[in-house]
């Protein structure tokens, strides 16, 4: 794997002209910039990670829906609301 080109001062050489050297050809400049981009760490999720995350979220939502719409949860919530209303009246 090629390393990122740098100058003796430690700066990354992007091919921009300096006072002490002529500008590099366009092909070399793009190659060095591409090497700089490839050399940086990835940040964020890729498309496959988004797909897995979306499937997991949908599965969790389906399980949560089943639990909430189940008979025991509905009857428990109904009893809770009825007792709260009975307390107020």
C-alpha atoms as a PDB file:
ATOM      1  CA  UNK A   1       0.000   0.000   0.000  1.00  0.00           C
ATOM      2  CA  UNK A   2       1.577   3.308  -1.009  1.00  0.00           C
ATOM      3  CA  UNK A   3       2.169   5.861   1.677  1.00  0.00           C
ATOM      4  CA  UNK A   4       0.951   9.418   1.488  1.00  0.00           C
ATOM      5  CA  UNK A   5       3.623  11.627  -0.057  1.00  0.00           C
ATOM      6  CA  UNK A   6       4.883  14.387   2.182  1.00  0.00           C
ATOM      7  CA  UNK A   7       7.462  17.108   2.058  1.00  0.00           C
ATOM      8  CA  UNK A   8      10.543  17.291   4.309  1.00  0.00           C
ATOM      9  CA  UNK A   9       8.599  19.692   6.539  1.00  0.00           C
ATOM     10  CA  UNK A  10       5.981  17.015   7.197  1.00  0.00           C
ATOM     11  CA  UNK A  11       3.241  18.714   5.198  1.00  0.00           C
ATOM     12  CA  UNK A  12       1.166  16.546   2.903  1.00  0.00           C
ATOM     13  CA  UNK A  13       2.082  17.169  -0.697  1.00  0.00           C
ATOM     14  CA  UNK A  14      -1.115  17.766  -2.686  1.00  0.00           C
ATOM     15  CA  UNK A  15       0.705  18.948  -5.770  1.00  0.00           C
ATOM     16  CA  UNK A  16      -0.112  22.603  -5.299  1.00  0.00           C
ATOM     17  CA  UNK A  17       2.717  24.788  -6.630  1.00  0.00           C
ATOM     18  CA  UNK A  18       5.142  26.273  -4.109  1.00  0.00           C
ATOM     19  CA  UNK A  19       7.636  29.053  -4.727  1.00  0.00           C
ATOM     20  CA  UNK A  20      10.556  26.587  -4.734  1.00  0.00           C
ATOM     21  CA  UNK A  21       9.207  23.996  -7.193  1.00  0.00           C
ATOM     22  CA  UNK A  22       7.130  23.909 -10.397  1.00  0.00           C
ATOM     23  CA  UNK A  23       3.543  22.613 -10.390  1.00  0.00           C
ATOM     24  CA  UNK A  24       3.039  18.877 -10.898  1.00  0.00           C
ATOM     25  CA  UNK A  25       1.074  17.448 -13.823  1.00  0.00           C
ATOM     26  CA  UNK A  26      -2.675  17.118 -13.212  1.00  0.00           C
ATOM     27  CA  UNK A  27      -2.504  13.290 -13.198  1.00  0.00           C
ATOM     28  CA  UNK A  28       0.053  13.311 -10.364  1.00  0.00           C
ATOM     29  CA  UNK A  29      -1.951  15.819  -8.332  1.00  0.00           C
ATOM     30  CA  UNK A  30      -5.116  13.713  -8.570  1.00  0.00           C
ATOM     31  CA  UNK A  31      -3.175  10.552  -7.721  1.00  0.00           C
ATOM     32  CA  UNK A  32      -1.729  12.122  -4.600  1.00  0.00           C
ATOM     33  CA  UNK A  33      -5.081  13.498  -3.494  1.00  0.00           C
ATOM     34  CA  UNK A  34      -6.694  10.097  -4.075  1.00  0.00           C
ATOM     35  CA  UNK A  35      -3.946   8.460  -1.978  1.00  0.00           C
ATOM     36  CA  UNK A  36      -4.677  10.977   0.775  1.00  0.00           C
ATOM     37  CA  UNK A  37      -8.411  10.161   0.683  1.00  0.00           C
ATOM     38  CA  UNK A  38      -7.774   6.410   0.751  1.00  0.00           C
ATOM     39  CA  UNK A  39      -5.345   6.797   3.629  1.00  0.00           C
ATOM     40  CA  UNK A  40      -7.872   8.398   5.977  1.00  0.00           C
ATOM     41  CA  UNK A  41     -10.002   6.360   8.356  1.00  0.00           C
ATOM     42  CA  UNK A  42     -13.593   5.600   7.458  1.00  0.00           C
ATOM     43  CA  UNK A  43     -16.297   7.398   9.380  1.00  0.00           C
ATOM     44  CA  UNK A  44     -19.946   6.420   9.539  1.00  0.00           C
ATOM     45  CA  UNK A  45     -21.767   3.365   8.309  1.00  0.00           C
ATOM     46  CA  UNK A  46     -21.677   1.764   4.906  1.00  0.00           C
ATOM     47  CA  UNK A  47     -24.769   0.779   2.954  1.00  0.00           C
ATOM     48  CA  UNK A  48     -24.638  -2.815   4.235  1.00  0.00           C
ATOM     49  CA  UNK A  49     -24.487  -1.586   7.831  1.00  0.00           C
ATOM     50  CA  UNK A  50     -27.492   0.665   7.221  1.00  0.00           C
ATOM     51  CA  UNK A  51     -29.395  -2.326   5.796  1.00  0.00           C
ATOM     52  CA  UNK A  52     -28.611  -4.505   8.817  1.00  0.00           C
ATOM     53  CA  UNK A  53     -29.537  -1.675  11.189  1.00  0.00           C
ATOM     54  CA  UNK A  54     -32.818  -1.096   9.371  1.00  0.00           C
ATOM     55  CA  UNK A  55     -33.738  -4.791   9.484  1.00  0.00           C
ATOM     56  CA  UNK A  56     -32.905  -4.927  13.205  1.00  0.00           C
ATOM     57  CA  UNK A  57     -35.021  -1.836  13.891  1.00  0.00           C
ATOM     58  CA  UNK A  58     -37.957  -3.301  11.955  1.00  0.00           C
ATOM     59  CA  UNK A  59     -37.675  -6.595  13.844  1.00  0.00           C
ATOM     60  CA  UNK A  60     -37.621  -4.747  17.163  1.00  0.00           C
ATOM     61  CA  UNK A  61     -40.663  -2.686  16.113  1.00  0.00           C
ATOM     62  CA  UNK A  62     -42.553  -5.861  15.137  1.00  0.00           C
ATOM     63  CA  UNK A  63     -41.808  -7.507  18.498  1.00  0.00           C
ATOM     64  CA  UNK A  64     -42.787  -4.342  20.361  1.00  0.00           C
ATOM     65  CA  UNK A  65     -46.037  -4.103  18.371  1.00  0.00           C
ATOM     66  CA  UNK A  66     -46.890  -7.725  19.208  1.00  0.00           C
ATOM     67  CA  UNK A  67     -46.246  -7.121  22.907  1.00  0.00           C
ATOM     68  CA  UNK A  68     -48.241  -3.893  23.066  1.00  0.00           C
ATOM     69  CA  UNK A  69     -51.219  -5.251  21.118  1.00  0.00           C
ATOM     70  CA  UNK A  70     -51.262  -8.497  23.100  1.00  0.00           C
ATOM     71  CA  UNK A  71     -54.291  -9.163  25.338  1.00  0.00           C
ATOM     72  CA  UNK A  72     -52.516  -8.781  28.690  1.00  0.00           C
ATOM     73  CA  UNK A  73     -50.997  -5.376  27.881  1.00  0.00           C
ATOM     74  CA  UNK A  74     -54.254  -4.001  26.488  1.00  0.00           C
ATOM     75  CA  UNK A  75     -56.248  -5.219  29.496  1.00  0.00           C
ATOM     76  CA  UNK A  76     -53.593  -3.870  31.878  1.00  0.00           C
ATOM     77  CA  UNK A  77     -53.678  -0.442  30.259  1.00  0.00           C
ATOM     78  CA  UNK A  78     -57.487  -0.476  30.264  1.00  0.00           C
ATOM     79  CA  UNK A  79     -57.548  -1.312  33.973  1.00  0.00           C
ATOM     80  CA  UNK A  80     -55.009   1.447  34.673  1.00  0.00           C
ATOM     81  CA  UNK A  81     -57.045   4.080  32.804  1.00  0.00           C
ATOM     82  CA  UNK A  82     -60.295   2.943  34.425  1.00  0.00           C
ATOM     83  CA  UNK A  83     -58.781   3.117  37.926  1.00  0.00           C
ATOM     84  CA  UNK A  84     -57.362   6.584  37.198  1.00  0.00           C
ATOM     85  CA  UNK A  85     -60.764   7.792  35.983  1.00  0.00           C
ATOM     86  CA  UNK A  86     -62.495   6.212  38.990  1.00  0.00           C
ATOM     87  CA  UNK A  87     -60.125   8.094  41.309  1.00  0.00           C
ATOM     88  CA  UNK A  88     -61.017  11.420  39.691  1.00  0.00           C
ATOM     89  CA  UNK A  89     -64.783  10.966  39.947  1.00  0.00           C
END
